[in-house]
């Protein structure tokens, strides 16, 4: 979902295997801007690689205008640190 929201490629890393009583699921992956998994490690410890297609990135950005529809004029004040908000 984060790749789709930000219209970008995303590499998500997750611990795998066992440590003492803890069991980690793994599932590290690389996701394209449309949310498709293009490389996945599964449950095992593994190094994964993926080729990122710049044309897919550019085309998805052009066809998915999330950034065009942003309204920083509405949410900007809550993102600005002021003394009033700190106290």
PDB file of N, CA and C in Angstrom:
ATOM      1  N   UNK A   1       0.819  -1.198   0.000  1.00  0.00           N
ATOM      2  CA  UNK A   1       0.000   0.000   0.000  1.00  0.00           C
ATOM      3  C   UNK A   1       0.861   1.259   0.000  1.00  0.00           C
ATOM      4  N   UNK A   2       1.990   1.225   0.713  1.00  0.00           N
ATOM      5  CA  UNK A   2       2.853   2.418   0.749  1.00  0.00           C
ATOM      6  C   UNK A   2       3.413   2.743  -0.631  1.00  0.00           C
ATOM      7  N   UNK A   3       3.732   1.723  -1.436  1.00  0.00           N
ATOM      8  CA  UNK A   3       4.233   1.958  -2.790  1.00  0.00           C
ATOM      9  C   UNK A   3       3.170   2.637  -3.644  1.00  0.00           C
ATOM     10  N   UNK A   4       1.928   2.203  -3.517  1.00  0.00           N
ATOM     11  CA  UNK A   4       0.829   2.794  -4.274  1.00  0.00           C
ATOM     12  C   UNK A   4       0.581   4.227  -3.821  1.00  0.00           C
ATOM     13  N   UNK A   5       0.518   4.455  -2.511  1.00  0.00           N
ATOM     14  CA  UNK A   5       0.257   5.798  -1.983  1.00  0.00           C
ATOM     15  C   UNK A   5       1.306   6.810  -2.418  1.00  0.00           C
ATOM     16  N   UNK A   6       2.550   6.377  -2.478  1.00  0.00           N
ATOM     17  CA  UNK A   6       3.644   7.284  -2.816  1.00  0.00           C
ATOM     18  C   UNK A   6       4.064   7.185  -4.274  1.00  0.00           C
ATOM     19  N   UNK A   7       3.374   6.346  -5.039  1.00  0.00           N
ATOM     20  CA  UNK A   7       3.620   6.141  -6.464  1.00  0.00           C
ATOM     21  C   UNK A   7       5.127   5.985  -6.706  1.00  0.00           C
ATOM     22  N   UNK A   8       5.708   4.972  -6.056  1.00  0.00           N
ATOM     23  CA  UNK A   8       7.141   4.735  -6.174  1.00  0.00           C
ATOM     24  C   UNK A   8       7.466   3.267  -5.937  1.00  0.00           C
ATOM     25  N   UNK A   9       8.661   2.880  -6.283  1.00  0.00           N
ATOM     26  CA  UNK A   9       9.136   1.542  -5.927  1.00  0.00           C
ATOM     27  C   UNK A   9       9.413   1.519  -4.437  1.00  0.00           C
ATOM     28  N   UNK A  10       9.245   0.363  -3.817  1.00  0.00           N
ATOM     29  CA  UNK A  10       9.452   0.242  -2.380  1.00  0.00           C
ATOM     30  C   UNK A  10      10.164  -1.069  -2.077  1.00  0.00           C
ATOM     31  N   UNK A  11      11.189  -0.994  -1.256  1.00  0.00           N
ATOM     32  CA  UNK A  11      11.845  -2.187  -0.738  1.00  0.00           C
ATOM     33  C   UNK A  11      11.459  -2.332   0.723  1.00  0.00           C
ATOM     34  N   UNK A  12      10.775  -3.409   1.057  1.00  0.00           N
ATOM     35  CA  UNK A  12      10.336  -3.645   2.429  1.00  0.00           C
ATOM     36  C   UNK A  12      11.144  -4.802   3.010  1.00  0.00           C
ATOM     37  N   UNK A  13      11.772  -4.560   4.144  1.00  0.00           N
ATOM     38  CA  UNK A  13      12.617  -5.583   4.777  1.00  0.00           C
ATOM     39  C   UNK A  13      11.971  -6.073   6.058  1.00  0.00           C
ATOM     40  N   UNK A  14      12.085  -7.377   6.304  1.00  0.00           N
ATOM     41  CA  UNK A  14      11.555  -7.948   7.527  1.00  0.00           C
ATOM     42  C   UNK A  14      12.467  -9.077   7.988  1.00  0.00           C
ATOM     43  N   UNK A  15      12.640  -9.166   9.273  1.00  0.00           N
ATOM     44  CA  UNK A  15      13.452 -10.204   9.899  1.00  0.00           C
ATOM     45  C   UNK A  15      12.845 -11.577   9.601  1.00  0.00           C
ATOM     46  N   UNK A  16      13.702 -12.596   9.479  1.00  0.00           N
ATOM     47  CA  UNK A  16      13.188 -13.955   9.269  1.00  0.00           C
ATOM     48  C   UNK A  16      13.918 -14.929  10.187  1.00  0.00           C
ATOM     49  N   UNK A  17      13.304 -16.054  10.419  1.00  0.00           N
ATOM     50  CA  UNK A  17      13.916 -17.098  11.238  1.00  0.00           C
ATOM     51  C   UNK A  17      13.509 -17.024  12.695  1.00  0.00           C
ATOM     52  N   UNK A  18      14.341 -17.646  13.558  1.00  0.00           N
ATOM     53  CA  UNK A  18      14.059 -17.717  14.996  1.00  0.00           C
ATOM     54  C   UNK A  18      15.161 -17.040  15.791  1.00  0.00           C
ATOM     55  N   UNK A  19      14.778 -16.424  16.865  1.00  0.00           N
ATOM     56  CA  UNK A  19      15.702 -15.902  17.873  1.00  0.00           C
ATOM     57  C   UNK A  19      15.075 -16.207  19.222  1.00  0.00           C
ATOM     58  N   UNK A  20      15.694 -17.079  19.970  1.00  0.00           N
ATOM     59  CA  UNK A  20      15.141 -17.546  21.240  1.00  0.00           C
ATOM     60  C   UNK A  20      13.719 -18.060  21.003  1.00  0.00           C
ATOM     61  N   UNK A  21      12.741 -17.469  21.667  1.00  0.00           N
ATOM     62  CA  UNK A  21      11.349 -17.906  21.520  1.00  0.00           C
ATOM     63  C   UNK A  21      10.612 -17.195  20.381  1.00  0.00           C
ATOM     64  N   UNK A  22      11.227 -16.169  19.828  1.00  0.00           N
ATOM     65  CA  UNK A  22      10.560 -15.376  18.786  1.00  0.00           C
ATOM     66  C   UNK A  22      10.730 -16.021  17.413  1.00  0.00           C
ATOM     67  N   UNK A  23       9.662 -16.015  16.654  1.00  0.00           N
ATOM     68  CA  UNK A  23       9.682 -16.501  15.276  1.00  0.00           C
ATOM     69  C   UNK A  23       9.311 -15.321  14.378  1.00  0.00           C
ATOM     70  N   UNK A  24      10.171 -15.050  13.378  1.00  0.00           N
ATOM     71  CA  UNK A  24       9.957 -13.923  12.476  1.00  0.00           C
ATOM     72  C   UNK A  24       9.540 -14.442  11.102  1.00  0.00           C
ATOM     73  N   UNK A  25       8.552 -13.819  10.513  1.00  0.00           N
ATOM     74  CA  UNK A  25       7.904 -14.327   9.300  1.00  0.00           C
ATOM     75  C   UNK A  25       8.667 -14.058   8.011  1.00  0.00           C
ATOM     76  N   UNK A  26       9.609 -13.132   8.003  1.00  0.00           N
ATOM     77  CA  UNK A  26      10.282 -12.794   6.755  1.00  0.00           C
ATOM     78  C   UNK A  26       9.351 -12.015   5.851  1.00  0.00           C
ATOM     79  N   UNK A  27       9.387 -12.307   4.564  1.00  0.00           N
ATOM     80  CA  UNK A  27       8.489 -11.630   3.626  1.00  0.00           C
ATOM     81  C   UNK A  27       9.063 -10.354   3.050  1.00  0.00           C
ATOM     82  N   UNK A  28      10.381 -10.157   3.166  1.00  0.00           N
ATOM     83  CA  UNK A  28      10.974  -8.978   2.533  1.00  0.00           C
ATOM     84  C   UNK A  28      10.640  -9.001   1.048  1.00  0.00           C
ATOM     85  N   UNK A  29      10.429  -7.811   0.470  1.00  0.00           N
ATOM     86  CA  UNK A  29      10.031  -7.772  -0.932  1.00  0.00           C
ATOM     87  C   UNK A  29      10.335  -6.423  -1.561  1.00  0.00           C
ATOM     88  N   UNK A  30      10.253  -6.393  -2.867  1.00  0.00           N
ATOM     89  CA  UNK A  30      10.331  -5.155  -3.642  1.00  0.00           C
ATOM     90  C   UNK A  30       9.006  -5.043  -4.380  1.00  0.00           C
ATOM     91  N   UNK A  31       8.406  -3.857  -4.296  1.00  0.00           N
ATOM     92  CA  UNK A  31       7.072  -3.623  -4.863  1.00  0.00           C
ATOM     93  C   UNK A  31       7.152  -2.484  -5.873  1.00  0.00           C
ATOM     94  N   UNK A  32       6.435  -2.618  -6.989  1.00  0.00           N
ATOM     95  CA  UNK A  32       6.451  -1.548  -7.985  1.00  0.00           C
ATOM     96  C   UNK A  32       5.409  -0.480  -7.638  1.00  0.00           C
ATOM     97  N   UNK A  33       5.394   0.654  -8.360  1.00  0.00           N
ATOM     98  CA  UNK A  33       4.472   1.747  -8.035  1.00  0.00           C
ATOM     99  C   UNK A  33       2.988   1.392  -8.132  1.00  0.00           C
ATOM    100  N   UNK A  34       2.669   0.274  -8.767  1.00  0.00           N
ATOM    101  CA  UNK A  34       1.273  -0.158  -8.872  1.00  0.00           C
ATOM    102  C   UNK A  34       0.893  -1.132  -7.765  1.00  0.00           C
ATOM    103  N   UNK A  35       1.871  -1.508  -6.920  1.00  0.00           N
ATOM    104  CA  UNK A  35       1.606  -2.422  -5.821  1.00  0.00           C
ATOM    105  C   UNK A  35       1.902  -3.877  -6.133  1.00  0.00           C
ATOM    106  N   UNK A  36       2.481  -4.152  -7.283  1.00  0.00           N
ATOM    107  CA  UNK A  36       2.830  -5.525  -7.658  1.00  0.00           C
ATOM    108  C   UNK A  36       4.168  -5.921  -7.032  1.00  0.00           C
ATOM    109  N   UNK A  37       4.226  -7.085  -6.431  1.00  0.00           N
ATOM    110  CA  UNK A  37       5.478  -7.581  -5.866  1.00  0.00           C
ATOM    111  C   UNK A  37       6.342  -8.069  -7.027  1.00  0.00           C
ATOM    112  N   UNK A  38       7.557  -7.501  -7.157  1.00  0.00           N
ATOM    113  CA  UNK A  38       8.422  -7.893  -8.270  1.00  0.00           C
ATOM    114  C   UNK A  38       9.610  -8.738  -7.810  1.00  0.00           C
ATOM    115  N   UNK A  39       9.839  -8.815  -6.504  1.00  0.00           N
ATOM    116  CA  UNK A  39      10.844  -9.722  -5.933  1.00  0.00           C
ATOM    117  C   UNK A  39      10.434  -9.991  -4.495  1.00  0.00           C
ATOM    118  N   UNK A  40      10.608 -11.235  -4.047  1.00  0.00           N
ATOM    119  CA  UNK A  40      10.166 -11.607  -2.696  1.00  0.00           C
ATOM    120  C   UNK A  40      11.108 -12.654  -2.110  1.00  0.00           C
ATOM    121  N   UNK A  41      11.426 -12.486  -0.836  1.00  0.00           N
ATOM    122  CA  UNK A  41      12.331 -13.414  -0.168  1.00  0.00           C
ATOM    123  C   UNK A  41      11.607 -14.610   0.440  1.00  0.00           C
ATOM    124  N   UNK A  42      10.329 -14.514   0.682  1.00  0.00           N
ATOM    125  CA  UNK A  42       9.608 -15.592   1.352  1.00  0.00           C
ATOM    126  C   UNK A  42       9.965 -15.637   2.832  1.00  0.00           C
ATOM    127  N   UNK A  43       9.899 -16.813   3.420  1.00  0.00           N
ATOM    128  CA  UNK A  43      10.143 -16.962   4.860  1.00  0.00           C
ATOM    129  C   UNK A  43      11.618 -17.111   5.202  1.00  0.00           C
ATOM    130  N   UNK A  44      12.446 -17.411   4.212  1.00  0.00           N
ATOM    131  CA  UNK A  44      13.859 -17.680   4.466  1.00  0.00           C
ATOM    132  C   UNK A  44      14.707 -16.413   4.444  1.00  0.00           C
ATOM    133  N   UNK A  45      15.872 -16.501   5.094  1.00  0.00           N
ATOM    134  CA  UNK A  45      16.841 -15.418   5.002  1.00  0.00           C
ATOM    135  C   UNK A  45      17.419 -15.445   3.594  1.00  0.00           C
ATOM    136  N   UNK A  46      17.355 -14.320   2.915  1.00  0.00           N
ATOM    137  CA  UNK A  46      17.748 -14.293   1.510  1.00  0.00           C
ATOM    138  C   UNK A  46      18.066 -12.868   1.090  1.00  0.00           C
ATOM    139  N   UNK A  47      18.961 -12.728   0.140  1.00  0.00           N
ATOM    140  CA  UNK A  47      19.212 -11.433  -0.496  1.00  0.00           C
ATOM    141  C   UNK A  47      18.410 -11.429  -1.789  1.00  0.00           C
ATOM    142  N   UNK A  48      17.607 -10.387  -1.974  1.00  0.00           N
ATOM    143  CA  UNK A  48      16.816 -10.291  -3.199  1.00  0.00           C
ATOM    144  C   UNK A  48      17.259  -9.069  -3.993  1.00  0.00           C
ATOM    145  N   UNK A  49      17.088  -9.144  -5.284  1.00  0.00           N
ATOM    146  CA  UNK A  49      17.369  -8.010  -6.165  1.00  0.00           C
ATOM    147  C   UNK A  49      16.198  -7.857  -7.126  1.00  0.00           C
ATOM    148  N   UNK A  50      16.090  -6.680  -7.698  1.00  0.00           N
ATOM    149  CA  UNK A  50      15.032  -6.438  -8.677  1.00  0.00           C
ATOM    150  C   UNK A  50      15.484  -5.350  -9.632  1.00  0.00           C
ATOM    151  N   UNK A  51      15.087  -5.476 -10.872  1.00  0.00           N
ATOM    152  CA  UNK A  51      15.319  -4.408 -11.838  1.00  0.00           C
ATOM    153  C   UNK A  51      14.125  -3.468 -11.785  1.00  0.00           C
ATOM    154  N   UNK A  52      14.413  -2.182 -11.620  1.00  0.00           N
ATOM    155  CA  UNK A  52      13.365  -1.172 -11.551  1.00  0.00           C
ATOM    156  C   UNK A  52      13.269  -0.490 -12.903  1.00  0.00           C
ATOM    157  N   UNK A  53      12.076  -0.489 -13.466  1.00  0.00           N
ATOM    158  CA  UNK A  53      11.856   0.078 -14.793  1.00  0.00           C
ATOM    159  C   UNK A  53      11.418   1.531 -14.657  1.00  0.00           C
ATOM    160  N   UNK A  54      12.286   2.438 -15.059  1.00  0.00           N
ATOM    161  CA  UNK A  54      11.989   3.871 -14.964  1.00  0.00           C
ATOM    162  C   UNK A  54      10.740   4.246 -15.755  1.00  0.00           C
ATOM    163  N   UNK A  55      10.494   3.582 -16.869  1.00  0.00           N
ATOM    164  CA  UNK A  55       9.311   3.883 -17.688  1.00  0.00           C
ATOM    165  C   UNK A  55       8.028   3.560 -16.928  1.00  0.00           C
ATOM    166  N   UNK A  56       8.023   2.458 -16.174  1.00  0.00           N
ATOM    167  CA  UNK A  56       6.849   2.109 -15.357  1.00  0.00           C
ATOM    168  C   UNK A  56       6.637   3.193 -14.303  1.00  0.00           C
ATOM    169  N   UNK A  57       7.719   3.621 -13.673  1.00  0.00           N
ATOM    170  CA  UNK A  57       7.644   4.670 -12.649  1.00  0.00           C
ATOM    171  C   UNK A  57       7.030   5.948 -13.228  1.00  0.00           C
ATOM    172  N   UNK A  58       7.580   6.413 -14.355  1.00  0.00           N
ATOM    173  CA  UNK A  58       7.112   7.665 -14.966  1.00  0.00           C
ATOM    174  C   UNK A  58       5.659   7.539 -15.420  1.00  0.00           C
ATOM    175  N   UNK A  59       5.325   6.440 -16.091  1.00  0.00           N
ATOM    176  CA  UNK A  59       3.952   6.261 -16.586  1.00  0.00           C
ATOM    177  C   UNK A  59       2.955   6.188 -15.426  1.00  0.00           C
ATOM    178  N   UNK A  60       3.317   5.480 -14.363  1.00  0.00           N
ATOM    179  CA  UNK A  60       2.414   5.378 -13.212  1.00  0.00           C
ATOM    180  C   UNK A  60       2.213   6.737 -12.568  1.00  0.00           C
ATOM    181  N   UNK A  61       3.295   7.515 -12.432  1.00  0.00           N
ATOM    182  CA  UNK A  61       3.161   8.870 -11.875  1.00  0.00           C
ATOM    183  C   UNK A  61       2.246   9.737 -12.732  1.00  0.00           C
ATOM    184  N   UNK A  62       2.359   9.613 -14.054  1.00  0.00           N
ATOM    185  CA  UNK A  62       1.520  10.411 -14.955  1.00  0.00           C
ATOM    186  C   UNK A  62       0.053  10.002 -14.873  1.00  0.00           C
ATOM    187  N   UNK A  63      -0.201   8.710 -14.689  1.00  0.00           N
ATOM    188  CA  UNK A  63      -1.571   8.194 -14.672  1.00  0.00           C
ATOM    189  C   UNK A  63      -2.200   8.160 -13.284  1.00  0.00           C
ATOM    190  N   UNK A  64      -1.423   8.444 -12.264  1.00  0.00           N
ATOM    191  CA  UNK A  64      -1.913   8.414 -10.888  1.00  0.00           C
ATOM    192  C   UNK A  64      -1.596   9.760 -10.242  1.00  0.00           C
ATOM    193  N   UNK A  65      -2.474  10.732 -10.392  1.00  0.00           N
ATOM    194  CA  UNK A  65      -2.158  12.095  -9.975  1.00  0.00           C
ATOM    195  C   UNK A  65      -2.389  12.398  -8.485  1.00  0.00           C
ATOM    196  N   UNK A  66      -1.962  11.465  -7.603  1.00  0.00           N
ATOM    197  CA  UNK A  66      -2.149  11.713  -6.173  1.00  0.00           C
ATOM    198  C   UNK A  66      -1.507  13.024  -5.741  1.00  0.00           C
ATOM    199  N   UNK A  67      -0.314  13.289  -6.245  1.00  0.00           N
ATOM    200  CA  UNK A  67       0.401  14.486  -5.810  1.00  0.00           C
ATOM    201  C   UNK A  67      -0.267  15.754  -6.332  1.00  0.00           C
ATOM    202  N   UNK A  68      -0.913  15.683  -7.479  1.00  0.00           N
ATOM    203  CA  UNK A  68      -1.625  16.832  -8.018  1.00  0.00           C
ATOM    204  C   UNK A  68      -2.781  17.227  -7.099  1.00  0.00           C
ATOM    205  N   UNK A  69      -3.398  16.237  -6.466  1.00  0.00           N
ATOM    206  CA  UNK A  69      -4.584  16.477  -5.655  1.00  0.00           C
ATOM    207  C   UNK A  69      -4.285  16.814  -4.196  1.00  0.00           C
ATOM    208  N   UNK A  70      -3.006  16.897  -3.842  1.00  0.00           N
ATOM    209  CA  UNK A  70      -2.673  17.228  -2.443  1.00  0.00           C
ATOM    210  C   UNK A  70      -3.175  18.622  -2.095  1.00  0.00           C
ATOM    211  N   UNK A  71      -3.458  18.846  -0.822  1.00  0.00           N
ATOM    212  CA  UNK A  71      -3.933  20.146  -0.349  1.00  0.00           C
ATOM    213  C   UNK A  71      -3.132  20.608   0.856  1.00  0.00           C
ATOM    214  N   UNK A  72      -1.828  20.922   0.659  1.00  0.00           N
ATOM    215  CA  UNK A  72      -1.017  21.348   1.794  1.00  0.00           C
ATOM    216  C   UNK A  72      -1.544  22.614   2.462  1.00  0.00           C
ATOM    217  N   UNK A  73      -2.368  23.386   1.749  1.00  0.00           N
ATOM    218  CA  UNK A  73      -2.968  24.565   2.372  1.00  0.00           C
ATOM    219  C   UNK A  73      -3.903  24.163   3.509  1.00  0.00           C
ATOM    220  N   UNK A  74      -4.453  22.939   3.450  1.00  0.00           N
ATOM    221  CA  UNK A  74      -5.359  22.464   4.495  1.00  0.00           C
ATOM    222  C   UNK A  74      -4.629  21.778   5.647  1.00  0.00           C
ATOM    223  N   UNK A  75      -3.584  20.994   5.344  1.00  0.00           N
ATOM    224  CA  UNK A  75      -2.909  20.253   6.408  1.00  0.00           C
ATOM    225  C   UNK A  75      -1.580  20.860   6.822  1.00  0.00           C
ATOM    226  N   UNK A  76      -1.119  21.880   6.124  1.00  0.00           N
ATOM    227  CA  UNK A  76       0.165  22.508   6.441  1.00  0.00           C
ATOM    228  C   UNK A  76       0.302  22.954   7.887  1.00  0.00           C
ATOM    229  N   UNK A  77      -0.717  23.616   8.461  1.00  0.00           N
ATOM    230  CA  UNK A  77      -0.583  24.094   9.843  1.00  0.00           C
ATOM    231  C   UNK A  77      -0.323  22.985  10.866  1.00  0.00           C
ATOM    232  N   UNK A  78      -0.830  21.783  10.653  1.00  0.00           N
ATOM    233  CA  UNK A  78      -0.585  20.712  11.632  1.00  0.00           C
ATOM    234  C   UNK A  78       0.793  20.085  11.455  1.00  0.00           C
ATOM    235  N   UNK A  79       1.477  20.439  10.355  1.00  0.00           N
ATOM    236  CA  UNK A  79       2.819  19.920  10.112  1.00  0.00           C
ATOM    237  C   UNK A  79       3.909  20.913  10.502  1.00  0.00           C
ATOM    238  N   UNK A  80       3.501  22.072  10.974  1.00  0.00           N
ATOM    239  CA  UNK A  80       4.440  23.111  11.336  1.00  0.00           C
ATOM    240  C   UNK A  80       4.605  23.158  12.846  1.00  0.00           C
ATOM    241  N   UNK A  81       5.841  23.077  13.290  1.00  0.00           N
ATOM    242  CA  UNK A  81       6.101  23.124  14.718  1.00  0.00           C
ATOM    243  C   UNK A  81       6.087  24.582  15.189  1.00  0.00           C
ATOM    244  N   UNK A  82       5.263  24.857  16.176  1.00  0.00           N
ATOM    245  CA  UNK A  82       5.229  26.193  16.780  1.00  0.00           C
ATOM    246  C   UNK A  82       5.242  26.036  18.287  1.00  0.00           C
ATOM    247  N   UNK A  83       5.559  27.093  18.973  1.00  0.00           N
ATOM    248  CA  UNK A  83       5.558  27.063  20.440  1.00  0.00           C
ATOM    249  C   UNK A  83       4.169  26.725  20.966  1.00  0.00           C
ATOM    250  N   UNK A  84       3.126  27.159  20.281  1.00  0.00           N
ATOM    251  CA  UNK A  84       1.755  26.882  20.727  1.00  0.00           C
ATOM    252  C   UNK A  84       1.467  25.384  20.723  1.00  0.00           C
ATOM    253  N   UNK A  85       1.982  24.670  19.743  1.00  0.00           N
ATOM    254  CA  UNK A  85       1.716  23.240  19.640  1.00  0.00           C
ATOM    255  C   UNK A  85       2.569  22.426  20.615  1.00  0.00           C
ATOM    256  N   UNK A  86       3.720  22.957  20.987  1.00  0.00           N
ATOM    257  CA  UNK A  86       4.619  22.235  21.879  1.00  0.00           C
ATOM    258  C   UNK A  86       4.133  22.271  23.324  1.00  0.00           C
ATOM    259  N   UNK A  87       3.527  23.371  23.736  1.00  0.00           N
ATOM    260  CA  UNK A  87       3.115  23.536  25.130  1.00  0.00           C
ATOM    261  C   UNK A  87       1.731  23.063  25.380  1.00  0.00           C
TER     262      UNK A  87
END
